Structures are given as C-alpha cells and as structure tokens.
Amino acid sequence: MSLDDLTEEIESRYDDLGDETTLRLDRETRNELALLQSALDLDDADELLRRAVHQFFQATVETGRLDFHLRSGYDVTYDEYLSGMTYDEMTGDVGLSDQAQDDVQRYQY
C-alpha cells in the first residue's frame, strides 16, 4: 500500500461517515458517558464523544502508535500523510537510476 492508497481510504471512510454517526454503546460505556456528562454538566453527549475522539487521536499520535499502524499498513507515517509526499519524495531519492543516485551521493558532504 502507499500514500495514495491511504488518501483514497481516508476519503472513502470520511464520505461513509457523513455528518452524523450512530453507534451502539455497551452498558459500561453508557455508564461512563452518563457519569462524565453529569460531572461536567454537559447536556450534549455528542460533545463528549467528539472530545473523546480528539483525545484518543492525539494520544495515538503522541505515542507513535498511529505511525506504527500507518507504516505497517501503508508504508507511510503521519507526517508523510500530512505533507502529501513520502520522505523519499521529499529528499529526491525516488525514481533516480543507480548512476544518478551515485552522482548525488558523490557530491554530498
């Protein structure tokens, strides 16, 4: 898989989600959500769920788990996804013949 494959997958799943998502909550999750909603005095459980997704995403990025899964499945990192190009493309190492690669290395200090 590649960066293009990842981008296509994200766009497809984004479209599938739409503006609203319905999800089933198990008993434990429903109880925790009700407790948080009461403690934080929020009327809208949707806001808590949005916050939870943001926090989970941030934790996954910070711990390197997102990069691990992206590298395993798509051979890219989150930084590469954000920039729209792989590290090889950024450094110019993609698509060079062996002779051209030797010339590039010869002039590196």
PDB file of N, CA and C in Angstrom:
ATOM      1  N   MET A   1       0.843  -1.167   0.000  1.00  0.00           N
ATOM      2  CA  MET A   1       0.000   0.000   0.000  1.00  0.00           C
ATOM      3  C   MET A   1       0.897   1.241   0.000  1.00  0.00           C
ATOM      4  N   SER A   2       0.300   2.356  -0.347  1.00  0.00           N
ATOM      5  CA  SER A   2       1.092   3.580  -0.494  1.00  0.00           C
ATOM      6  C   SER A   2       0.348   4.783   0.072  1.00  0.00           C
ATOM      7  N   LEU A   3       0.978   5.924  -0.046  1.00  0.00           N
ATOM      8  CA  LEU A   3       0.374   7.171   0.401  1.00  0.00           C
ATOM      9  C   LEU A   3      -0.919   7.440  -0.366  1.00  0.00           C
ATOM     10  N   ASP A   4      -0.916   7.169  -1.647  1.00  0.00           N
ATOM     11  CA  ASP A   4      -2.135   7.358  -2.444  1.00  0.00           C
ATOM     12  C   ASP A   4      -3.251   6.431  -1.977  1.00  0.00           C
ATOM     13  N   ASP A   5      -2.901   5.184  -1.646  1.00  0.00           N
ATOM     14  CA  ASP A   5      -3.892   4.235  -1.137  1.00  0.00           C
ATOM     15  C   ASP A   5      -4.488   4.717   0.180  1.00  0.00           C
ATOM     16  N   LEU A   6      -3.635   5.235   1.062  1.00  0.00           N
ATOM     17  CA  LEU A   6      -4.098   5.763   2.340  1.00  0.00           C
ATOM     18  C   LEU A   6      -5.034   6.938   2.133  1.00  0.00           C
ATOM     19  N   THR A   7      -4.672   7.854   1.269  1.00  0.00           N
ATOM     20  CA  THR A   7      -5.502   9.023   0.996  1.00  0.00           C
ATOM     21  C   THR A   7      -6.866   8.606   0.455  1.00  0.00           C
ATOM     22  N   GLU A   8      -6.885   7.656  -0.464  1.00  0.00           N
ATOM     23  CA  GLU A   8      -8.150   7.166  -1.016  1.00  0.00           C
ATOM     24  C   GLU A   8      -8.995   6.498   0.066  1.00  0.00           C
ATOM     25  N   GLU A   9      -8.371   5.720   0.932  1.00  0.00           N
ATOM     26  CA  GLU A   9      -9.077   5.032   2.016  1.00  0.00           C
ATOM     27  C   GLU A   9      -9.697   6.048   2.987  1.00  0.00           C
ATOM     28  N   ILE A  10      -8.937   7.064   3.356  1.00  0.00           N
ATOM     29  CA  ILE A  10      -9.440   8.086   4.279  1.00  0.00           C
ATOM     30  C   ILE A  10     -10.619   8.828   3.649  1.00  0.00           C
ATOM     31  N   GLU A  11     -10.495   9.218   2.398  1.00  0.00           N
ATOM     32  CA  GLU A  11     -11.576   9.935   1.728  1.00  0.00           C
ATOM     33  C   GLU A  11     -12.834   9.080   1.633  1.00  0.00           C
ATOM     34  N   SER A  12     -12.667   7.804   1.353  1.00  0.00           N
ATOM     35  CA  SER A  12     -13.806   6.890   1.265  1.00  0.00           C
ATOM     36  C   SER A  12     -14.501   6.742   2.616  1.00  0.00           C
ATOM     37  N   ARG A  13     -13.715   6.530   3.670  1.00  0.00           N
ATOM     38  CA  ARG A  13     -14.296   6.376   5.006  1.00  0.00           C
ATOM     39  C   ARG A  13     -14.922   7.687   5.491  1.00  0.00           C
ATOM     40  N   TYR A  14     -14.331   8.801   5.141  1.00  0.00           N
ATOM     41  CA  TYR A  14     -14.887  10.110   5.505  1.00  0.00           C
ATOM     42  C   TYR A  14     -16.273  10.274   4.889  1.00  0.00           C
ATOM     43  N   ASP A  15     -16.380   9.933   3.603  1.00  0.00           N
ATOM     44  CA  ASP A  15     -17.672  10.020   2.929  1.00  0.00           C
ATOM     45  C   ASP A  15     -18.684   9.061   3.549  1.00  0.00           C
ATOM     46  N   ASP A  16     -18.238   7.866   3.928  1.00  0.00           N
ATOM     47  CA  ASP A  16     -19.130   6.880   4.539  1.00  0.00           C
ATOM     48  C   ASP A  16     -19.670   7.352   5.883  1.00  0.00           C
ATOM     49  N   LEU A  17     -18.862   8.110   6.629  1.00  0.00           N
ATOM     50  CA  LEU A  17     -19.303   8.591   7.941  1.00  0.00           C
ATOM     51  C   LEU A  17     -20.410   9.625   7.835  1.00  0.00           C
ATOM     52  N   GLY A  18     -20.345  10.473   6.831  1.00  0.00           N
ATOM     53  CA  GLY A  18     -21.341  11.525   6.696  1.00  0.00           C
ATOM     54  C   GLY A  18     -21.227  12.530   7.837  1.00  0.00           C
ATOM     55  N   ASP A  19     -22.292  13.290   8.050  1.00  0.00           N
ATOM     56  CA  ASP A  19     -22.280  14.306   9.103  1.00  0.00           C
ATOM     57  C   ASP A  19     -22.635  13.736  10.459  1.00  0.00           C
ATOM     58  N   GLU A  20     -23.393  12.669  10.483  1.00  0.00           N
ATOM     59  CA  GLU A  20     -23.804  12.063  11.746  1.00  0.00           C
ATOM     60  C   GLU A  20     -23.510  10.577  11.725  1.00  0.00           C
ATOM     61  N   THR A  21     -23.130  10.072  12.871  1.00  0.00           N
ATOM     62  CA  THR A  21     -22.827   8.662  13.015  1.00  0.00           C
ATOM     63  C   THR A  21     -23.629   8.104  14.180  1.00  0.00           C
ATOM     64  N   THR A  22     -24.255   6.990  13.961  1.00  0.00           N
ATOM     65  CA  THR A  22     -24.984   6.316  15.023  1.00  0.00           C
ATOM     66  C   THR A  22     -24.113   5.179  15.523  1.00  0.00           C
ATOM     67  N   LEU A  23     -23.971   5.085  16.827  1.00  0.00           N
ATOM     68  CA  LEU A  23     -23.196   3.987  17.354  1.00  0.00           C
ATOM     69  C   LEU A  23     -23.897   3.391  18.560  1.00  0.00           C
ATOM     70  N   ARG A  24     -23.711   2.107  18.707  1.00  0.00           N
ATOM     71  CA  ARG A  24     -24.306   1.396  19.834  1.00  0.00           C
ATOM     72  C   ARG A  24     -23.315   1.429  20.992  1.00  0.00           C
ATOM     73  N   LEU A  25     -23.826   1.710  22.178  1.00  0.00           N
ATOM     74  CA  LEU A  25     -22.983   1.770  23.363  1.00  0.00           C
ATOM     75  C   LEU A  25     -23.271   0.564  24.248  1.00  0.00           C
ATOM     76  N   ASP A  26     -22.210  -0.051  24.729  1.00  0.00           N
ATOM     77  CA  ASP A  26     -22.413  -1.121  25.698  1.00  0.00           C
ATOM     78  C   ASP A  26     -22.737  -0.496  27.054  1.00  0.00           C
ATOM     79  N   ARG A  27     -23.067  -1.317  27.997  1.00  0.00           N
ATOM     80  CA  ARG A  27     -23.510  -0.839  29.308  1.00  0.00           C
ATOM     81  C   ARG A  27     -22.435  -0.009  30.014  1.00  0.00           C
ATOM     82  N   GLU A  28     -21.201  -0.494  29.968  1.00  0.00           N
ATOM     83  CA  GLU A  28     -20.097   0.199  30.633  1.00  0.00           C
ATOM     84  C   GLU A  28     -19.858   1.578  30.011  1.00  0.00           C
ATOM     85  N   THR A  29     -19.830   1.638  28.689  1.00  0.00           N
ATOM     86  CA  THR A  29     -19.607   2.908  28.002  1.00  0.00           C
ATOM     87  C   THR A  29     -20.738   3.883  28.270  1.00  0.00           C
ATOM     88  N   ARG A  30     -21.955   3.392  28.240  1.00  0.00           N
ATOM     89  CA  ARG A  30     -23.120   4.242  28.513  1.00  0.00           C
ATOM     90  C   ARG A  30     -23.038   4.816  29.930  1.00  0.00           C
ATOM     91  N   ASN A  31     -22.625   3.975  30.901  1.00  0.00           N
ATOM     92  CA  ASN A  31     -22.492   4.424  32.287  1.00  0.00           C
ATOM     93  C   ASN A  31     -21.394   5.483  32.413  1.00  0.00           C
ATOM     94  N   GLU A  32     -20.242   5.255  31.785  1.00  0.00           N
ATOM     95  CA  GLU A  32     -19.142   6.215  31.842  1.00  0.00           C
ATOM     96  C   GLU A  32     -19.522   7.525  31.168  1.00  0.00           C
ATOM     97  N   LEU A  33     -20.225   7.440  30.057  1.00  0.00           N
ATOM     98  CA  LEU A  33     -20.663   8.648  29.360  1.00  0.00           C
ATOM     99  C   LEU A  33     -21.643   9.443  30.221  1.00  0.00           C
ATOM    100  N   ALA A  34     -22.574   8.756  30.861  1.00  0.00           N
ATOM    101  CA  ALA A  34     -23.544   9.429  31.736  1.00  0.00           C
ATOM    102  C   ALA A  34     -22.841  10.085  32.918  1.00  0.00           C
ATOM    103  N   LEU A  35     -21.842   9.409  33.479  1.00  0.00           N
ATOM    104  CA  LEU A  35     -21.098   9.971  34.600  1.00  0.00           C
ATOM    105  C   LEU A  35     -20.337  11.222  34.178  1.00  0.00           C
ATOM    106  N   LEU A  36     -19.647  11.149  33.060  1.00  0.00           N
ATOM    107  CA  LEU A  36     -18.918  12.318  32.560  1.00  0.00           C
ATOM    108  C   LEU A  36     -19.858  13.464  32.229  1.00  0.00           C
ATOM    109  N   GLN A  37     -20.964  13.146  31.620  1.00  0.00           N
ATOM    110  CA  GLN A  37     -21.938  14.174  31.259  1.00  0.00           C
ATOM    111  C   GLN A  37     -22.469  14.871  32.510  1.00  0.00           C
ATOM    112  N   SER A  38     -22.725  14.109  33.549  1.00  0.00           N
ATOM    113  CA  SER A  38     -23.218  14.692  34.804  1.00  0.00           C
ATOM    114  C   SER A  38     -22.129  15.507  35.488  1.00  0.00           C
ATOM    115  N   ALA A  39     -20.926  14.950  35.566  1.00  0.00           N
ATOM    116  CA  ALA A  39     -19.834  15.617  36.268  1.00  0.00           C
ATOM    117  C   ALA A  39     -19.422  16.915  35.579  1.00  0.00           C
ATOM    118  N   LEU A  40     -19.423  16.905  34.260  1.00  0.00           N
ATOM    119  CA  LEU A  40     -19.005  18.086  33.509  1.00  0.00           C
ATOM    120  C   LEU A  40     -20.163  19.013  33.180  1.00  0.00           C
ATOM    121  N   ASP A  41     -21.356  18.633  33.614  1.00  0.00           N
ATOM    122  CA  ASP A  41     -22.571  19.439  33.429  1.00  0.00           C
ATOM    123  C   ASP A  41     -22.783  19.796  31.965  1.00  0.00           C
ATOM    124  N   LEU A  42     -22.711  18.758  31.118  1.00  0.00           N
ATOM    125  CA  LEU A  42     -22.950  18.946  29.686  1.00  0.00           C
ATOM    126  C   LEU A  42     -24.275  18.294  29.306  1.00  0.00           C
ATOM    127  N   ASP A  43     -25.076  19.018  28.575  1.00  0.00           N
ATOM    128  CA  ASP A  43     -26.349  18.473  28.120  1.00  0.00           C
ATOM    129  C   ASP A  43     -26.185  17.599  26.884  1.00  0.00           C
ATOM    130  N   ASP A  44     -25.123  17.835  26.135  1.00  0.00           N
ATOM    131  CA  ASP A  44     -24.935  17.177  24.846  1.00  0.00           C
ATOM    132  C   ASP A  44     -23.865  16.088  24.950  1.00  0.00           C
ATOM    133  N   ALA A  45     -24.283  14.834  24.880  1.00  0.00           N
ATOM    134  CA  ALA A  45     -23.322  13.718  24.920  1.00  0.00           C
ATOM    135  C   ALA A  45     -22.441  13.711  23.676  1.00  0.00           C
ATOM    136  N   ASP A  46     -22.940  14.263  22.580  1.00  0.00           N
ATOM    137  CA  ASP A  46     -22.156  14.313  21.344  1.00  0.00           C
ATOM    138  C   ASP A  46     -20.849  15.077  21.543  1.00  0.00           C
ATOM    139  N   GLU A  47     -20.895  16.138  22.338  1.00  0.00           N
ATOM    140  CA  GLU A  47     -19.681  16.919  22.603  1.00  0.00           C
ATOM    141  C   GLU A  47     -18.638  16.077  23.315  1.00  0.00           C
ATOM    142  N   LEU A  48     -19.070  15.270  24.272  1.00  0.00           N
ATOM    143  CA  LEU A  48     -18.131  14.382  24.970  1.00  0.00           C
ATOM    144  C   LEU A  48     -17.533  13.358  24.017  1.00  0.00           C
ATOM    145  N   LEU A  49     -18.327  12.831  23.130  1.00  0.00           N
ATOM    146  CA  LEU A  49     -17.819  11.852  22.166  1.00  0.00           C
ATOM    147  C   LEU A  49     -16.825  12.497  21.204  1.00  0.00           C
ATOM    148  N   ARG A  50     -17.099  13.722  20.780  1.00  0.00           N
ATOM    149  CA  ARG A  50     -16.143  14.437  19.923  1.00  0.00           C
ATOM    150  C   ARG A  50     -14.825  14.649  20.662  1.00  0.00           C
ATOM    151  N   ARG A  51     -14.912  15.067  21.918  1.00  0.00           N
ATOM    152  CA  ARG A  51     -13.698  15.265  22.724  1.00  0.00           C
ATOM    153  C   ARG A  51     -12.930  13.959  22.885  1.00  0.00           C
ATOM    154  N   ALA A  52     -13.654  12.876  23.087  1.00  0.00           N
ATOM    155  CA  ALA A  52     -13.010  11.573  23.271  1.00  0.00           C
ATOM    156  C   ALA A  52     -12.242  11.157  22.018  1.00  0.00           C
ATOM    157  N   VAL A  53     -12.837  11.381  20.854  1.00  0.00           N
ATOM    158  CA  VAL A  53     -12.153  11.042  19.600  1.00  0.00           C
ATOM    159  C   VAL A  53     -10.900  11.896  19.444  1.00  0.00           C
ATOM    160  N   HIS A  54     -11.006  13.195  19.731  1.00  0.00           N
ATOM    161  CA  HIS A  54      -9.832  14.081  19.634  1.00  0.00           C
ATOM    162  C   HIS A  54      -8.723  13.628  20.588  1.00  0.00           C
ATOM    163  N   GLN A  55      -9.102  13.285  21.805  1.00  0.00           N
ATOM    164  CA  GLN A  55      -8.107  12.872  22.790  1.00  0.00           C
ATOM    165  C   GLN A  55      -7.465  11.537  22.401  1.00  0.00           C
ATOM    166  N   PHE A  56      -8.267  10.598  21.932  1.00  0.00           N
ATOM    167  CA  PHE A  56      -7.723   9.313  21.502  1.00  0.00           C
ATOM    168  C   PHE A  56      -6.791   9.495  20.308  1.00  0.00           C
ATOM    169  N   PHE A  57      -7.185  10.340  19.377  1.00  0.00           N
ATOM    170  CA  PHE A  57      -6.336  10.611  18.216  1.00  0.00           C
ATOM    171  C   PHE A  57      -5.004  11.200  18.652  1.00  0.00           C
ATOM    172  N   GLN A  58      -5.059  12.212  19.519  1.00  0.00           N
ATOM    173  CA  GLN A  58      -3.838  12.869  19.991  1.00  0.00           C
ATOM    174  C   GLN A  58      -2.925  11.885  20.715  1.00  0.00           C
ATOM    175  N   ALA A  59      -3.496  11.058  21.572  1.00  0.00           N
ATOM    176  CA  ALA A  59      -2.696  10.068  22.300  1.00  0.00           C
ATOM    177  C   ALA A  59      -2.070   9.059  21.345  1.00  0.00           C
ATOM    178  N   THR A  60      -2.807   8.671  20.321  1.00  0.00           N
ATOM    179  CA  THR A  60      -2.293   7.709  19.340  1.00  0.00           C
ATOM    180  C   THR A  60      -1.143   8.313  18.548  1.00  0.00           C
ATOM    181  N   VAL A  61      -1.236   9.587  18.215  1.00  0.00           N
ATOM    182  CA  VAL A  61      -0.152  10.275  17.502  1.00  0.00           C
ATOM    183  C   VAL A  61       1.068  10.405  18.405  1.00  0.00           C
ATOM    184  N   GLU A  62       0.862  10.887  19.640  1.00  0.00           N
ATOM    185  CA  GLU A  62       1.975  11.164  20.548  1.00  0.00           C
ATOM    186  C   GLU A  62       2.739   9.917  20.966  1.00  0.00           C
ATOM    187  N   THR A  63       2.065   8.796  21.082  1.00  0.00           N
ATOM    188  CA  THR A  63       2.739   7.561  21.494  1.00  0.00           C
ATOM    189  C   THR A  63       3.404   6.829  20.331  1.00  0.00           C
ATOM    190  N   GLY A  64       3.151   7.285  19.106  1.00  0.00           N
ATOM    191  CA  GLY A  64       3.745   6.640  17.941  1.00  0.00           C
ATOM    192  C   GLY A  64       2.934   5.465  17.421  1.00  0.00           C
ATOM    193  N   ARG A  65       1.823   5.163  18.055  1.00  0.00           N
ATOM    194  CA  ARG A  65       1.007   4.036  17.591  1.00  0.00           C
ATOM    195  C   ARG A  65       0.418   4.301  16.215  1.00  0.00           C
ATOM    196  N   LEU A  66       0.047   5.545  15.927  1.00  0.00           N
ATOM    197  CA  LEU A  66      -0.500   5.855  14.608  1.00  0.00           C
ATOM    198  C   LEU A  66       0.549   5.601  13.528  1.00  0.00           C
ATOM    199  N   ASP A  67       1.766   6.098  13.741  1.00  0.00           N
ATOM    200  CA  ASP A  67       2.839   5.852  12.769  1.00  0.00           C
ATOM    201  C   ASP A  67       3.112   4.364  12.610  1.00  0.00           C
ATOM    202  N   PHE A  68       3.085   3.612  13.709  1.00  0.00           N
ATOM    203  CA  PHE A  68       3.317   2.165  13.628  1.00  0.00           C
ATOM    204  C   PHE A  68       2.288   1.511  12.714  1.00  0.00           C
ATOM    205  N   HIS A  69       1.023   1.830  12.924  1.00  0.00           N
ATOM    206  CA  HIS A  69      -0.037   1.212  12.115  1.00  0.00           C
ATOM    207  C   HIS A  69      -0.010   1.704  10.671  1.00  0.00           C
ATOM    208  N   LEU A  70       0.265   2.996  10.478  1.00  0.00           N
ATOM    209  CA  LEU A  70       0.365   3.509   9.115  1.00  0.00           C
ATOM    210  C   LEU A  70       1.541   2.883   8.376  1.00  0.00           C
ATOM    211  N   ARG A  71       2.675   2.747   9.054  1.00  0.00           N
ATOM    212  CA  ARG A  71       3.852   2.152   8.426  1.00  0.00           C
ATOM    213  C   ARG A  71       3.595   0.680   8.101  1.00  0.00           C
ATOM    214  N   SER A  72       2.906  -0.012   9.010  1.00  0.00           N
ATOM    215  CA  SER A  72       2.606  -1.426   8.789  1.00  0.00           C
ATOM    216  C   SER A  72       1.637  -1.633   7.628  1.00  0.00           C
ATOM    217  N   GLY A  73       0.617  -0.785   7.547  1.00  0.00           N
ATOM    218  CA  GLY A  73      -0.412  -0.985   6.534  1.00  0.00           C
ATOM    219  C   GLY A  73      -0.194  -0.260   5.229  1.00  0.00           C
ATOM    220  N   TYR A  74       0.453   0.911   5.276  1.00  0.00           N
ATOM    221  CA  TYR A  74       0.568   1.748   4.080  1.00  0.00           C
ATOM    222  C   TYR A  74       1.992   2.162   3.752  1.00  0.00           C
ATOM    223  N   ASP A  75       2.933   1.811   4.601  1.00  0.00           N
ATOM    224  CA  ASP A  75       4.347   2.159   4.423  1.00  0.00           C
ATOM    225  C   ASP A  75       4.557   3.671   4.364  1.00  0.00           C
ATOM    226  N   VAL A  76       3.797   4.413   5.192  1.00  0.00           N
ATOM    227  CA  VAL A  76       3.968   5.857   5.331  1.00  0.00           C
ATOM    228  C   VAL A  76       3.817   6.220   6.806  1.00  0.00           C
ATOM    229  N   THR A  77       4.182   7.445   7.150  1.00  0.00           N
ATOM    230  CA  THR A  77       3.971   7.957   8.503  1.00  0.00           C
ATOM    231  C   THR A  77       2.910   9.050   8.450  1.00  0.00           C
ATOM    232  N   TYR A  78       2.491   9.492   9.609  1.00  0.00           N
ATOM    233  CA  TYR A  78       1.505  10.567   9.688  1.00  0.00           C
ATOM    234  C   TYR A  78       2.074  11.854   9.091  1.00  0.00           C
ATOM    235  N   ASP A  79       3.333  12.146   9.349  1.00  0.00           N
ATOM    236  CA  ASP A  79       3.969  13.335   8.768  1.00  0.00           C
ATOM    237  C   ASP A  79       3.967  13.272   7.240  1.00  0.00           C
ATOM    238  N   GLU A  80       4.228  12.083   6.710  1.00  0.00           N
ATOM    239  CA  GLU A  80       4.209  11.932   5.256  1.00  0.00           C
ATOM    240  C   GLU A  80       2.796  12.151   4.711  1.00  0.00           C
ATOM    241  N   TYR A  81       1.806  11.626   5.426  1.00  0.00           N
ATOM    242  CA  TYR A  81       0.421  11.840   5.013  1.00  0.00           C
ATOM    243  C   TYR A  81       0.086  13.334   5.019  1.00  0.00           C
ATOM    244  N   LEU A  82       0.478  14.035   6.089  1.00  0.00           N
ATOM    245  CA  LEU A  82       0.180  15.469   6.188  1.00  0.00           C
ATOM    246  C   LEU A  82       0.844  16.271   5.076  1.00  0.00           C
ATOM    247  N   SER A  83       2.066  15.904   4.725  1.00  0.00           N
ATOM    248  CA  SER A  83       2.788  16.653   3.694  1.00  0.00           C
ATOM    249  C   SER A  83       2.364  16.239   2.285  1.00  0.00           C
ATOM    250  N   GLY A  84       1.759  15.053   2.165  1.00  0.00           N
ATOM    251  CA  GLY A  84       1.335  14.589   0.849  1.00  0.00           C
ATOM    252  C   GLY A  84       2.434  13.951   0.036  1.00  0.00           C
ATOM    253  N   MET A  85       3.566  13.696   0.681  1.00  0.00           N
ATOM    254  CA  MET A  85       4.656  13.020  -0.017  1.00  0.00           C
ATOM    255  C   MET A  85       5.493  12.226   0.984  1.00  0.00           C
ATOM    256  N   THR A  86       6.121  11.186   0.486  1.00  0.00           N
ATOM    257  CA  THR A  86       6.955  10.359   1.348  1.00  0.00           C
ATOM    258  C   THR A  86       8.293  11.049   1.585  1.00  0.00           C
ATOM    259  N   TYR A  87       9.047  10.544   2.570  1.00  0.00           N
ATOM    260  CA  TYR A  87      10.366  11.111   2.846  1.00  0.00           C
ATOM    261  C   TYR A  87      11.280  10.971   1.633  1.00  0.00           C
ATOM    262  N   ASP A  88      11.168   9.833   0.932  1.00  0.00           N
ATOM    263  CA  ASP A  88      11.985   9.653  -0.266  1.00  0.00           C
ATOM    264  C   ASP A  88      11.659  10.711  -1.312  1.00  0.00           C
ATOM    265  N   GLU A  89      10.380  11.020  -1.470  1.00  0.00           N
ATOM    266  CA  GLU A  89       9.996  12.053  -2.427  1.00  0.00           C
ATOM    267  C   GLU A  89      10.497  13.422  -1.972  1.00  0.00           C
ATOM    268  N   MET A  90      10.464  13.669  -0.657  1.00  0.00           N
ATOM    269  CA  MET A  90      10.935  14.959  -0.134  1.00  0.00           C
ATOM    270  C   MET A  90      12.429  15.151  -0.369  1.00  0.00           C
ATOM    271  N   THR A  91      13.189  14.069  -0.255  1.00  0.00           N
ATOM    272  CA  THR A  91      14.641  14.172  -0.383  1.00  0.00           C
ATOM    273  C   THR A  91      15.130  13.947  -1.801  1.00  0.00           C
ATOM    274  N   GLY A  92      14.223  13.584  -2.707  1.00  0.00           N
ATOM    275  CA  GLY A  92      14.610  13.390  -4.104  1.00  0.00           C
ATOM    276  C   GLY A  92      15.191  12.038  -4.391  1.00  0.00           C
ATOM    277  N   ASP A  93      15.037  11.079  -3.497  1.00  0.00           N
ATOM    278  CA  ASP A  93      15.604   9.744  -3.704  1.00  0.00           C
ATOM    279  C   ASP A  93      14.708   8.833  -4.539  1.00  0.00           C
ATOM    280  N   VAL A  94      13.533   9.277  -4.915  1.00  0.00           N
ATOM    281  CA  VAL A  94      12.600   8.443  -5.662  1.00  0.00           C
ATOM    282  C   VAL A  94      12.852   8.581  -7.145  1.00  0.00           C
ATOM    283  N   GLY A  95      12.897   7.458  -7.819  1.00  0.00           N
ATOM    284  CA  GLY A  95      12.956   7.466  -9.270  1.00  0.00           C
ATOM    285  C   GLY A  95      14.317   7.736  -9.865  1.00  0.00           C
ATOM    286  N   LEU A  96      15.354   7.779  -9.079  1.00  0.00           N
ATOM    287  CA  LEU A  96      16.679   8.010  -9.634  1.00  0.00           C
ATOM    288  C   LEU A  96      17.308   6.688 -10.052  1.00  0.00           C
ATOM    289  N   SER A  97      17.957   6.693 -11.201  1.00  0.00           N
ATOM    290  CA  SER A  97      18.664   5.500 -11.632  1.00  0.00           C
ATOM    291  C   SER A  97      19.877   5.285 -10.725  1.00  0.00           C
ATOM    292  N   ASP A  98      20.478   4.102 -10.807  1.00  0.00           N
ATOM    293  CA  ASP A  98      21.656   3.818  -9.993  1.00  0.00           C
ATOM    294  C   ASP A  98      22.783   4.811 -10.288  1.00  0.00           C
ATOM    295  N   GLN A  99      22.960   5.152 -11.561  1.00  0.00           N
ATOM    296  CA  GLN A  99      24.010   6.098 -11.940  1.00  0.00           C
ATOM    297  C   GLN A  99      23.712   7.476 -11.355  1.00  0.00           C
ATOM    298  N   ALA A 100      22.468   7.926 -11.464  1.00  0.00           N
ATOM    299  CA  ALA A 100      22.099   9.231 -10.926  1.00  0.00           C
ATOM    300  C   ALA A 100      22.230   9.242  -9.406  1.00  0.00           C
ATOM    301  N   GLN A 101      21.886   8.126  -8.773  1.00  0.00           N
ATOM    302  CA  GLN A 101      21.998   8.018  -7.319  1.00  0.00           C
ATOM    303  C   GLN A 101      23.472   8.112  -6.909  1.00  0.00           C
ATOM    304  N   ASP A 102      24.353   7.465  -7.671  1.00  0.00           N
ATOM    305  CA  ASP A 102      25.788   7.543  -7.392  1.00  0.00           C
ATOM    306  C   ASP A 102      26.290   8.978  -7.534  1.00  0.00           C
ATOM    307  N   ASP A 103      25.799   9.695  -8.550  1.00  0.00           N
ATOM    308  CA  ASP A 103      26.206  11.084  -8.748  1.00  0.00           C
ATOM    309  C   ASP A 103      25.746  11.958  -7.589  1.00  0.00           C
ATOM    310  N   VAL A 104      24.533  11.735  -7.100  1.00  0.00           N
ATOM    311  CA  VAL A 104      24.009  12.512  -5.976  1.00  0.00           C
ATOM    312  C   VAL A 104      24.860  12.259  -4.747  1.00  0.00           C
ATOM    313  N   GLN A 105      25.167  10.992  -4.488  1.00  0.00           N
ATOM    314  CA  GLN A 105      25.958  10.646  -3.304  1.00  0.00           C
ATOM    315  C   GLN A 105      27.387  11.169  -3.404  1.00  0.00           C
ATOM    316  N   ARG A 106      27.917  11.239  -4.582  1.00  0.00           N
ATOM    317  CA  ARG A 106      29.286  11.686  -4.785  1.00  0.00           C
ATOM    318  C   ARG A 106      29.454  13.125  -4.332  1.00  0.00           C
ATOM    319  N   TYR A 107      28.424  13.949  -4.502  1.00  0.00           N
ATOM    320  CA  TYR A 107      28.534  15.377  -4.181  1.00  0.00           C
ATOM    321  C   TYR A 107      27.975  15.730  -2.813  1.00  0.00           C
ATOM    322  N   GLN A 108      27.601  14.742  -2.035  1.00  0.00           N
ATOM    323  CA  GLN A 108      27.139  15.021  -0.691  1.00  0.00           C
ATOM    324  C   GLN A 108      28.332  15.125   0.246  1.00  0.00           C
ATOM    325  N   TYR A 109      28.270  16.043   1.175  1.00  0.00           N
ATOM    326  CA  TYR A 109      29.376  16.231   2.115  1.00  0.00           C
ATOM    327  C   TYR A 109      29.077  15.591   3.420  1.00  0.00           C
TER     328      TYR A 109
END
